[in-house]
Amino acid sequence: MKIVTISADELREIIREEIKNAGNLVKDSITSLEYLNVTQLSKYIHLSVPAIYQRVADDSIPHNRIGSRIIFERSDIDKWIKSKNSSPPS
Protein backbone atom coordinates (compact mmCIF):
# COMPACT_ATOMS: atom_id res chain seq x y z
CA MET A 1 0.00 0.00 0.00
CA LYS A 2 1.26 3.44 -0.91
CA ILE A 3 0.32 6.50 1.15
CA VAL A 4 -0.09 9.76 -0.74
CA THR A 5 -0.24 13.18 0.85
CA ILE A 6 -2.48 15.82 -0.74
CA SER A 7 -3.59 19.26 0.31
CA ALA A 8 -7.11 20.11 1.46
CA ASP A 9 -7.70 22.01 -1.80
CA GLU A 10 -6.63 18.99 -3.86
CA LEU A 11 -8.98 16.77 -1.84
CA ARG A 12 -11.87 19.21 -2.37
CA GLU A 13 -11.23 19.18 -6.13
CA ILE A 14 -11.16 15.37 -6.20
CA ILE A 15 -14.46 15.24 -4.29
CA ARG A 16 -16.05 17.83 -6.63
CA GLU A 17 -15.03 15.79 -9.67
CA GLU A 18 -16.37 12.55 -8.19
CA ILE A 19 -19.70 14.17 -7.32
CA LYS A 20 -19.93 15.56 -10.85
CA ASN A 21 -19.15 12.13 -12.31
CA ALA A 22 -21.76 10.48 -10.08
CA GLY A 23 -24.38 13.00 -11.23
CA ASN A 24 -23.57 12.22 -14.85
CA LEU A 25 -23.97 8.49 -14.17
CA VAL A 26 -27.43 9.08 -12.70
CA LYS A 27 -28.47 11.21 -15.66
CA ASP A 28 -27.09 8.67 -18.15
CA SER A 29 -28.91 5.82 -16.41
CA ILE A 30 -32.19 7.78 -16.42
CA THR A 31 -31.95 8.70 -20.11
CA SER A 32 -31.49 5.02 -20.99
CA LEU A 33 -34.79 4.02 -19.32
CA GLU A 34 -37.97 3.65 -21.35
CA TYR A 35 -40.28 4.22 -18.36
CA LEU A 36 -39.70 6.54 -15.40
CA ASN A 37 -41.25 6.81 -11.96
CA VAL A 38 -42.01 10.17 -10.35
CA THR A 39 -38.58 10.50 -8.71
CA GLN A 40 -36.73 9.61 -11.89
CA LEU A 41 -38.88 12.00 -13.90
CA SER A 42 -38.15 14.76 -11.39
CA LYS A 43 -34.42 14.32 -11.99
CA TYR A 44 -34.87 13.96 -15.75
CA ILE A 45 -36.84 17.18 -16.30
CA HIS A 46 -35.65 19.13 -13.23
CA LEU A 47 -39.11 19.59 -11.81
CA SER A 48 -40.00 18.98 -8.17
CA VAL A 49 -41.88 15.83 -7.18
CA PRO A 50 -44.87 17.84 -5.85
CA ALA A 51 -45.03 19.77 -9.14
CA ILE A 52 -45.13 16.49 -11.06
CA TYR A 53 -47.92 15.15 -8.85
CA GLN A 54 -49.85 18.37 -9.44
CA ARG A 55 -49.51 17.98 -13.20
CA VAL A 56 -50.67 14.36 -12.91
CA ALA A 57 -53.70 15.51 -10.89
CA ASP A 58 -54.43 18.18 -13.53
CA ASP A 59 -53.87 15.58 -16.26
CA SER A 60 -51.49 18.05 -17.89
CA ILE A 61 -48.53 15.65 -18.21
CA PRO A 62 -48.59 12.33 -20.08
CA HIS A 63 -48.65 9.46 -17.61
CA ASN A 64 -49.98 5.96 -17.02
CA ARG A 65 -51.17 4.22 -13.89
CA ILE A 66 -50.42 0.65 -12.96
CA GLY A 67 -52.52 0.10 -9.89
CA SER A 68 -51.52 2.94 -7.59
CA ARG A 69 -48.17 3.49 -9.34
CA ILE A 70 -47.70 6.37 -11.74
CA ILE A 71 -45.26 5.83 -14.60
CA PHE A 72 -44.13 8.04 -17.43
CA GLU A 73 -42.99 6.89 -20.86
CA ARG A 74 -39.82 8.83 -21.56
CA SER A 75 -40.61 9.27 -25.26
CA ASP A 76 -44.02 10.77 -24.35
CA ILE A 77 -42.33 13.14 -21.90
CA ASP A 78 -39.79 14.19 -24.55
CA LYS A 79 -42.65 14.96 -26.98
CA TRP A 80 -44.55 16.82 -24.24
CA ILE A 81 -41.51 18.98 -23.48
CA LYS A 82 -40.99 19.76 -27.18
CA SER A 83 -44.64 20.74 -27.55
CA LYS A 84 -44.34 23.05 -24.53
CA ASN A 85 -41.18 24.65 -25.96
CA SER A 86 -42.75 25.20 -29.38
CA SER A 87 -45.94 26.79 -28.03
CA PRO A 88 -46.10 30.56 -28.26
CA PRO A 89 -46.08 32.28 -24.85
CA SER A 90 -49.52 33.20 -23.55
C-alpha atoms as a PDB file:
ATOM      1  CA  MET A   1       0.000   0.000   0.000  1.00  0.00           C
ATOM      2  CA  LYS A   2       1.257   3.439  -0.909  1.00  0.00           C
ATOM      3  CA  ILE A   3       0.316   6.502   1.152  1.00  0.00           C
ATOM      4  CA  VAL A   4      -0.085   9.757  -0.743  1.00  0.00           C
ATOM      5  CA  THR A   5      -0.243  13.182   0.849  1.00  0.00           C
ATOM      6  CA  ILE A   6      -2.475  15.820  -0.735  1.00  0.00           C
ATOM      7  CA  SER A   7      -3.586  19.260   0.308  1.00  0.00           C
ATOM      8  CA  ALA A   8      -7.109  20.106   1.459  1.00  0.00           C
ATOM      9  CA  ASP A   9      -7.698  22.006  -1.802  1.00  0.00           C
ATOM     10  CA  GLU A  10      -6.634  18.993  -3.859  1.00  0.00           C
ATOM     11  CA  LEU A  11      -8.976  16.774  -1.843  1.00  0.00           C
ATOM     12  CA  ARG A  12     -11.871  19.214  -2.372  1.00  0.00           C
ATOM     13  CA  GLU A  13     -11.227  19.177  -6.126  1.00  0.00           C
ATOM     14  CA  ILE A  14     -11.164  15.370  -6.201  1.00  0.00           C
ATOM     15  CA  ILE A  15     -14.462  15.244  -4.289  1.00  0.00           C
ATOM     16  CA  ARG A  16     -16.050  17.830  -6.634  1.00  0.00           C
ATOM     17  CA  GLU A  17     -15.029  15.786  -9.674  1.00  0.00           C
ATOM     18  CA  GLU A  18     -16.369  12.545  -8.190  1.00  0.00           C
ATOM     19  CA  ILE A  19     -19.702  14.173  -7.317  1.00  0.00           C
ATOM     20  CA  LYS A  20     -19.932  15.560 -10.850  1.00  0.00           C
ATOM     21  CA  ASN A  21     -19.154  12.134 -12.306  1.00  0.00           C
ATOM     22  CA  ALA A  22     -21.758  10.477 -10.079  1.00  0.00           C
ATOM     23  CA  GLY A  23     -24.376  13.000 -11.229  1.00  0.00           C
ATOM     24  CA  ASN A  24     -23.569  12.219 -14.853  1.00  0.00           C
ATOM     25  CA  LEU A  25     -23.973   8.492 -14.173  1.00  0.00           C
ATOM     26  CA  VAL A  26     -27.434   9.078 -12.696  1.00  0.00           C
ATOM     27  CA  LYS A  27     -28.472  11.207 -15.665  1.00  0.00           C
ATOM     28  CA  ASP A  28     -27.088   8.666 -18.145  1.00  0.00           C
ATOM     29  CA  SER A  29     -28.914   5.823 -16.405  1.00  0.00           C
ATOM     30  CA  ILE A  30     -32.192   7.777 -16.420  1.00  0.00           C
ATOM     31  CA  THR A  31     -31.949   8.696 -20.109  1.00  0.00           C
ATOM     32  CA  SER A  32     -31.495   5.019 -20.988  1.00  0.00           C
ATOM     33  CA  LEU A  33     -34.791   4.024 -19.315  1.00  0.00           C
ATOM     34  CA  GLU A  34     -37.974   3.654 -21.350  1.00  0.00           C
ATOM     35  CA  TYR A  35     -40.280   4.219 -18.358  1.00  0.00           C
ATOM     36  CA  LEU A  36     -39.703   6.542 -15.395  1.00  0.00           C
ATOM     37  CA  ASN A  37     -41.247   6.806 -11.955  1.00  0.00           C
ATOM     38  CA  VAL A  38     -42.005  10.166 -10.346  1.00  0.00           C
ATOM     39  CA  THR A  39     -38.579  10.500  -8.707  1.00  0.00           C
ATOM     40  CA  GLN A  40     -36.729   9.609 -11.891  1.00  0.00           C
ATOM     41  CA  LEU A  41     -38.882  12.003 -13.902  1.00  0.00           C
ATOM     42  CA  SER A  42     -38.151  14.760 -11.388  1.00  0.00           C
ATOM     43  CA  LYS A  43     -34.423  14.320 -11.995  1.00  0.00           C
ATOM     44  CA  TYR A  44     -34.874  13.963 -15.748  1.00  0.00           C
ATOM     45  CA  ILE A  45     -36.840  17.179 -16.295  1.00  0.00           C
ATOM     46  CA  HIS A  46     -35.650  19.134 -13.232  1.00  0.00           C
ATOM     47  CA  LEU A  47     -39.114  19.592 -11.812  1.00  0.00           C
ATOM     48  CA  SER A  48     -40.002  18.978  -8.173  1.00  0.00           C
ATOM     49  CA  VAL A  49     -41.883  15.831  -7.176  1.00  0.00           C
ATOM     50  CA  PRO A  50     -44.870  17.837  -5.845  1.00  0.00           C
ATOM     51  CA  ALA A  51     -45.033  19.770  -9.142  1.00  0.00           C
ATOM     52  CA  ILE A  52     -45.130  16.493 -11.059  1.00  0.00           C
ATOM     53  CA  TYR A  53     -47.925  15.145  -8.845  1.00  0.00           C
ATOM     54  CA  GLN A  54     -49.850  18.374  -9.435  1.00  0.00           C
ATOM     55  CA  ARG A  55     -49.511  17.979 -13.203  1.00  0.00           C
ATOM     56  CA  VAL A  56     -50.669  14.365 -12.905  1.00  0.00           C
ATOM     57  CA  ALA A  57     -53.701  15.509 -10.888  1.00  0.00           C
ATOM     58  CA  ASP A  58     -54.432  18.181 -13.533  1.00  0.00           C
ATOM     59  CA  ASP A  59     -53.865  15.576 -16.261  1.00  0.00           C
ATOM     60  CA  SER A  60     -51.485  18.051 -17.893  1.00  0.00           C
ATOM     61  CA  ILE A  61     -48.531  15.649 -18.206  1.00  0.00           C
ATOM     62  CA  PRO A  62     -48.592  12.332 -20.082  1.00  0.00           C
ATOM     63  CA  HIS A  63     -48.653   9.458 -17.608  1.00  0.00           C
ATOM     64  CA  ASN A  64     -49.981   5.962 -17.022  1.00  0.00           C
ATOM     65  CA  ARG A  65     -51.172   4.216 -13.893  1.00  0.00           C
ATOM     66  CA  ILE A  66     -50.425   0.648 -12.965  1.00  0.00           C
ATOM     67  CA  GLY A  67     -52.517   0.105  -9.886  1.00  0.00           C
ATOM     68  CA  SER A  68     -51.521   2.937  -7.589  1.00  0.00           C
ATOM     69  CA  ARG A  69     -48.175   3.495  -9.344  1.00  0.00           C
ATOM     70  CA  ILE A  70     -47.696   6.365 -11.735  1.00  0.00           C
ATOM     71  CA  ILE A  71     -45.261   5.829 -14.596  1.00  0.00           C
ATOM     72  CA  PHE A  72     -44.132   8.037 -17.431  1.00  0.00           C
ATOM     73  CA  GLU A  73     -42.994   6.891 -20.858  1.00  0.00           C
ATOM     74  CA  ARG A  74     -39.821   8.832 -21.556  1.00  0.00           C
ATOM     75  CA  SER A  75     -40.612   9.268 -25.262  1.00  0.00           C
ATOM     76  CA  ASP A  76     -44.015  10.769 -24.354  1.00  0.00           C
ATOM     77  CA  ILE A  77     -42.331  13.136 -21.903  1.00  0.00           C
ATOM     78  CA  ASP A  78     -39.794  14.194 -24.553  1.00  0.00           C
ATOM     79  CA  LYS A  79     -42.648  14.962 -26.983  1.00  0.00           C
ATOM     80  CA  TRP A  80     -44.549  16.818 -24.243  1.00  0.00           C
ATOM     81  CA  ILE A  81     -41.505  18.985 -23.481  1.00  0.00           C
ATOM     82  CA  LYS A  82     -40.988  19.762 -27.176  1.00  0.00           C
ATOM     83  CA  SER A  83     -44.637  20.740 -27.548  1.00  0.00           C
ATOM     84  CA  LYS A  84     -44.338  23.053 -24.532  1.00  0.00           C
ATOM     85  CA  ASN A  85     -41.179  24.645 -25.961  1.00  0.00           C
ATOM     86  CA  SER A  86     -42.748  25.201 -29.379  1.00  0.00           C
ATOM     87  CA  SER A  87     -45.942  26.786 -28.030  1.00  0.00           C
ATOM     88  CA  PRO A  88     -46.102  30.564 -28.256  1.00  0.00           C
ATOM     89  CA  PRO A  89     -46.082  32.284 -24.854  1.00  0.00           C
ATOM     90  CA  SER A  90     -49.525  33.198 -23.549  1.00  0.00           C
END
